[in-house]
Amino acid sequence: MNRREEVVKTWFRLWLTGGDFDPAALFTEDARYIESWGPEYAGREMIARWFRDWHENGKVLQWDAQEFLHDRDTTVVRWYFRCQMKGEEASGFDGLSLIRWSKDEKIAFLQEYASTEKRYCPYKNTESSTKTPL
């Protein structure tokens, strides 16, 4: 398995278990992590703190890597994520992670992009829906 894919899959598995992890094994000391809805974390110690804090109120039910695209020091991962926060119903969404790697194959930068799980065709009941397949 590609080393980069292994690192990403390890990160996803850690979210499923919520266990302790060594941030130095996956991230550079000055790594930046940007969540799809806005929060940004600077440095691996802050990333580890966010990971611990998040698991106090939530549980990841599923985080599946579906596709990897690699180019030089960059990887894009397409994935599906599902979680449940305390007192809320489970929810999920599709997403992408844009990752930049250090020379020693650690995550130096990661930015997430999300797509709503609920999809629909706005032209479903119109004449044009039969002429333009999705």
C-alpha atoms as a PDB file:
ATOM      1  CA  MET A   1       0.000   0.000   0.000  1.00  0.00           C
ATOM      2  CA  ASN A   2       1.207   3.486  -0.821  1.00  0.00           C
ATOM      3  CA  ARG A   3       2.762   5.096   2.294  1.00  0.00           C
ATOM      4  CA  ARG A   4       0.619   8.218   1.903  1.00  0.00           C
ATOM      5  CA  GLU A   5      -2.571   6.197   1.625  1.00  0.00           C
ATOM      6  CA  GLU A   6      -1.525   4.256   4.709  1.00  0.00           C
ATOM      7  CA  VAL A   7      -1.100   7.500   6.692  1.00  0.00           C
ATOM      8  CA  VAL A   8      -4.548   8.754   5.629  1.00  0.00           C
ATOM      9  CA  LYS A   9      -6.246   5.453   6.429  1.00  0.00           C
ATOM     10  CA  THR A  10      -4.523   5.397   9.827  1.00  0.00           C
ATOM     11  CA  TRP A  11      -5.868   8.898  10.518  1.00  0.00           C
ATOM     12  CA  PHE A  12      -9.401   7.824   9.551  1.00  0.00           C
ATOM     13  CA  ARG A  13      -9.182   4.680  11.734  1.00  0.00           C
ATOM     14  CA  LEU A  14      -8.053   6.774  14.702  1.00  0.00           C
ATOM     15  CA  TRP A  15     -11.259   8.799  14.396  1.00  0.00           C
ATOM     16  CA  LEU A  16     -13.301   5.587  14.496  1.00  0.00           C
ATOM     17  CA  THR A  17     -11.636   4.364  17.674  1.00  0.00           C
ATOM     18  CA  GLY A  18     -11.141   7.728  19.365  1.00  0.00           C
ATOM     19  CA  GLY A  19      -8.013   6.397  21.024  1.00  0.00           C
ATOM     20  CA  ASP A  20      -4.781   8.123  21.876  1.00  0.00           C
ATOM     21  CA  PHE A  21      -2.345   8.741  19.076  1.00  0.00           C
ATOM     22  CA  ASP A  22       1.089  10.199  18.563  1.00  0.00           C
ATOM     23  CA  PRO A  23       0.595  13.291  16.373  1.00  0.00           C
ATOM     24  CA  ALA A  24       4.312  13.218  15.463  1.00  0.00           C
ATOM     25  CA  ALA A  25       3.729   9.941  13.633  1.00  0.00           C
ATOM     26  CA  LEU A  26       1.319  11.551  11.143  1.00  0.00           C
ATOM     27  CA  PHE A  27       1.814  15.331  11.134  1.00  0.00           C
ATOM     28  CA  THR A  28       4.705  17.761  10.841  1.00  0.00           C
ATOM     29  CA  GLU A  29       5.287  19.960  13.870  1.00  0.00           C
ATOM     30  CA  ASP A  30       3.859  23.016  12.074  1.00  0.00           C
ATOM     31  CA  ALA A  31       1.040  21.204  10.208  1.00  0.00           C
ATOM     32  CA  ARG A  32      -2.130  23.141   9.339  1.00  0.00           C
ATOM     33  CA  TYR A  33      -5.538  21.454   9.289  1.00  0.00           C
ATOM     34  CA  ILE A  34      -8.659  23.222   7.994  1.00  0.00           C
ATOM     35  CA  GLU A  35     -12.067  21.629   8.491  1.00  0.00           C
ATOM     36  CA  SER A  36     -14.680  21.955   5.743  1.00  0.00           C
ATOM     37  CA  TRP A  37     -16.904  24.249   7.788  1.00  0.00           C
ATOM     38  CA  GLY A  38     -14.223  26.688   8.929  1.00  0.00           C
ATOM     39  CA  PRO A  39     -12.153  25.760  12.013  1.00  0.00           C
ATOM     40  CA  GLU A  40      -8.396  25.830  11.452  1.00  0.00           C
ATOM     41  CA  TYR A  41      -5.751  24.182  13.628  1.00  0.00           C
ATOM     42  CA  ALA A  42      -2.090  25.197  13.618  1.00  0.00           C
ATOM     43  CA  GLY A  43       0.533  22.703  14.755  1.00  0.00           C
ATOM     44  CA  ARG A  44       0.311  19.050  15.591  1.00  0.00           C
ATOM     45  CA  GLU A  45      -0.273  19.646  19.303  1.00  0.00           C
ATOM     46  CA  MET A  46      -3.384  21.718  18.522  1.00  0.00           C
ATOM     47  CA  ILE A  47      -4.544  19.024  16.091  1.00  0.00           C
ATOM     48  CA  ALA A  48      -4.141  16.419  18.864  1.00  0.00           C
ATOM     49  CA  ARG A  49      -6.062  18.630  21.320  1.00  0.00           C
ATOM     50  CA  TRP A  50      -8.919  19.075  18.833  1.00  0.00           C
ATOM     51  CA  PHE A  51      -8.997  15.305  18.273  1.00  0.00           C
ATOM     52  CA  ARG A  52      -9.283  14.631  22.031  1.00  0.00           C
ATOM     53  CA  ASP A  53     -11.853  17.382  22.612  1.00  0.00           C
ATOM     54  CA  TRP A  54     -14.013  16.297  19.680  1.00  0.00           C
ATOM     55  CA  HIS A  55     -14.288  12.749  21.009  1.00  0.00           C
ATOM     56  CA  GLU A  56     -15.693  13.971  24.339  1.00  0.00           C
ATOM     57  CA  ASN A  57     -18.959  14.878  22.567  1.00  0.00           C
ATOM     58  CA  GLY A  58     -19.000  12.844  19.401  1.00  0.00           C
ATOM     59  CA  LYS A  59     -18.453   9.452  17.816  1.00  0.00           C
ATOM     60  CA  VAL A  60     -17.333   8.760  14.277  1.00  0.00           C
ATOM     61  CA  LEU A  61     -19.440   5.946  12.866  1.00  0.00           C
ATOM     62  CA  GLN A  62     -17.837   5.717   9.437  1.00  0.00           C
ATOM     63  CA  TRP A  63     -14.982   7.348   7.548  1.00  0.00           C
ATOM     64  CA  ASP A  64     -14.233   5.534   4.326  1.00  0.00           C
ATOM     65  CA  ALA A  65     -11.550   6.546   1.853  1.00  0.00           C
ATOM     66  CA  GLN A  66     -12.990   5.925  -1.595  1.00  0.00           C
ATOM     67  CA  GLU A  67     -10.366   7.265  -3.971  1.00  0.00           C
ATOM     68  CA  PHE A  68      -6.835   8.658  -3.890  1.00  0.00           C
ATOM     69  CA  LEU A  69      -5.240  10.951  -6.450  1.00  0.00           C
ATOM     70  CA  HIS A  70      -1.500  11.619  -6.099  1.00  0.00           C
ATOM     71  CA  ASP A  71       0.688  14.236  -7.767  1.00  0.00           C
ATOM     72  CA  ARG A  72       4.185  15.018  -6.477  1.00  0.00           C
ATOM     73  CA  ASP A  73       3.798  16.287  -2.883  1.00  0.00           C
ATOM     74  CA  THR A  74      -0.013  16.458  -3.042  1.00  0.00           C
ATOM     75  CA  THR A  75      -2.794  13.936  -2.510  1.00  0.00           C
ATOM     76  CA  VAL A  76      -6.547  14.362  -2.886  1.00  0.00           C
ATOM     77  CA  VAL A  77      -8.718  11.854  -1.057  1.00  0.00           C
ATOM     78  CA  ARG A  78     -12.421  11.374  -1.769  1.00  0.00           C
ATOM     79  CA  TRP A  79     -14.269   9.998   1.257  1.00  0.00           C
ATOM     80  CA  TYR A  80     -17.553   9.483   3.095  1.00  0.00           C
ATOM     81  CA  PHE A  81     -17.892  10.540   6.750  1.00  0.00           C
ATOM     82  CA  ARG A  82     -20.682   9.773   9.225  1.00  0.00           C
ATOM     83  CA  CYS A  83     -20.802  10.735  12.895  1.00  0.00           C
ATOM     84  CA  GLN A  84     -23.097  11.274  15.830  1.00  0.00           C
ATOM     85  CA  MET A  85     -22.774  14.081  18.338  1.00  0.00           C
ATOM     86  CA  LYS A  86     -24.228  13.708  21.837  1.00  0.00           C
ATOM     87  CA  GLY A  87     -27.963  14.414  21.821  1.00  0.00           C
ATOM     88  CA  GLU A  88     -28.188  14.562  18.029  1.00  0.00           C
ATOM     89  CA  GLU A  89     -29.106  12.187  15.231  1.00  0.00           C
ATOM     90  CA  ALA A  90     -26.322  10.686  13.164  1.00  0.00           C
ATOM     91  CA  SER A  91     -25.422  12.574  10.015  1.00  0.00           C
ATOM     92  CA  GLY A  92     -22.989  12.132   7.181  1.00  0.00           C
ATOM     93  CA  PHE A  93     -21.543  13.764   4.110  1.00  0.00           C
ATOM     94  CA  ASP A  94     -19.184  13.215   1.213  1.00  0.00           C
ATOM     95  CA  GLY A  95     -15.900  15.055   1.207  1.00  0.00           C
ATOM     96  CA  LEU A  96     -12.459  15.632  -0.193  1.00  0.00           C
ATOM     97  CA  SER A  97      -9.184  16.256   1.576  1.00  0.00           C
ATOM     98  CA  LEU A  98      -6.414  18.179  -0.105  1.00  0.00           C
ATOM     99  CA  ILE A  99      -3.154  17.070   1.517  1.00  0.00           C
ATOM    100  CA  ARG A 100       0.378  18.364   1.098  1.00  0.00           C
ATOM    101  CA  TRP A 101       3.191  16.107   2.303  1.00  0.00           C
ATOM    102  CA  SER A 102       6.569  16.793   3.856  1.00  0.00           C
ATOM    103  CA  LYS A 103       9.672  15.086   2.493  1.00  0.00           C
ATOM    104  CA  ASP A 104       9.408  12.475   5.258  1.00  0.00           C
ATOM    105  CA  GLU A 105       5.815  11.579   4.217  1.00  0.00           C
ATOM    106  CA  LYS A 106       3.987  13.383   7.042  1.00  0.00           C
ATOM    107  CA  ILE A 107       0.973  15.633   6.619  1.00  0.00           C
ATOM    108  CA  ALA A 108       2.098  19.259   6.435  1.00  0.00           C
ATOM    109  CA  PHE A 109      -1.234  20.714   5.263  1.00  0.00           C
ATOM    110  CA  LEU A 110      -4.748  19.279   5.080  1.00  0.00           C
ATOM    111  CA  GLN A 111      -7.895  21.084   3.992  1.00  0.00           C
ATOM    112  CA  GLU A 112     -11.290  19.385   3.868  1.00  0.00           C
ATOM    113  CA  TYR A 113     -14.141  20.120   1.462  1.00  0.00           C
ATOM    114  CA  ALA A 114     -17.672  18.826   2.064  1.00  0.00           C
ATOM    115  CA  SER A 115     -20.672  17.993  -0.095  1.00  0.00           C
ATOM    116  CA  THR A 116     -24.117  17.509   1.359  1.00  0.00           C
ATOM    117  CA  GLU A 117     -25.304  13.928   1.592  1.00  0.00           C
ATOM    118  CA  LYS A 118     -28.754  14.806   0.312  1.00  0.00           C
ATOM    119  CA  ARG A 119     -28.571  15.035  -3.468  1.00  0.00           C
ATOM    120  CA  TYR A 120     -31.309  15.792  -5.937  1.00  0.00           C
ATOM    121  CA  CYS A 121     -31.833  16.649  -9.584  1.00  0.00           C
ATOM    122  CA  PRO A 122     -33.521  20.046  -9.923  1.00  0.00           C
ATOM    123  CA  TYR A 123     -34.704  19.075 -13.427  1.00  0.00           C
ATOM    124  CA  LYS A 124     -36.104  15.667 -12.493  1.00  0.00           C
ATOM    125  CA  ASN A 125     -39.687  16.409 -13.598  1.00  0.00           C
ATOM    126  CA  THR A 126     -38.911  18.534 -16.637  1.00  0.00           C
ATOM    127  CA  GLU A 127     -38.464  17.761 -20.291  1.00  0.00           C
ATOM    128  CA  SER A 128     -34.743  18.565 -20.109  1.00  0.00           C
ATOM    129  CA  SER A 129     -34.140  15.786 -17.568  1.00  0.00           C
ATOM    130  CA  THR A 130     -34.409  13.183 -20.324  1.00  0.00           C
ATOM    131  CA  LYS A 131     -32.002  15.048 -22.600  1.00  0.00           C
ATOM    132  CA  THR A 132     -29.153  15.756 -20.147  1.00  0.00           C
ATOM    133  CA  PRO A 133     -28.092  12.716 -18.116  1.00  0.00           C
ATOM    134  CA  LEU A 134     -26.236  13.383 -14.884  1.00  0.00           C
END
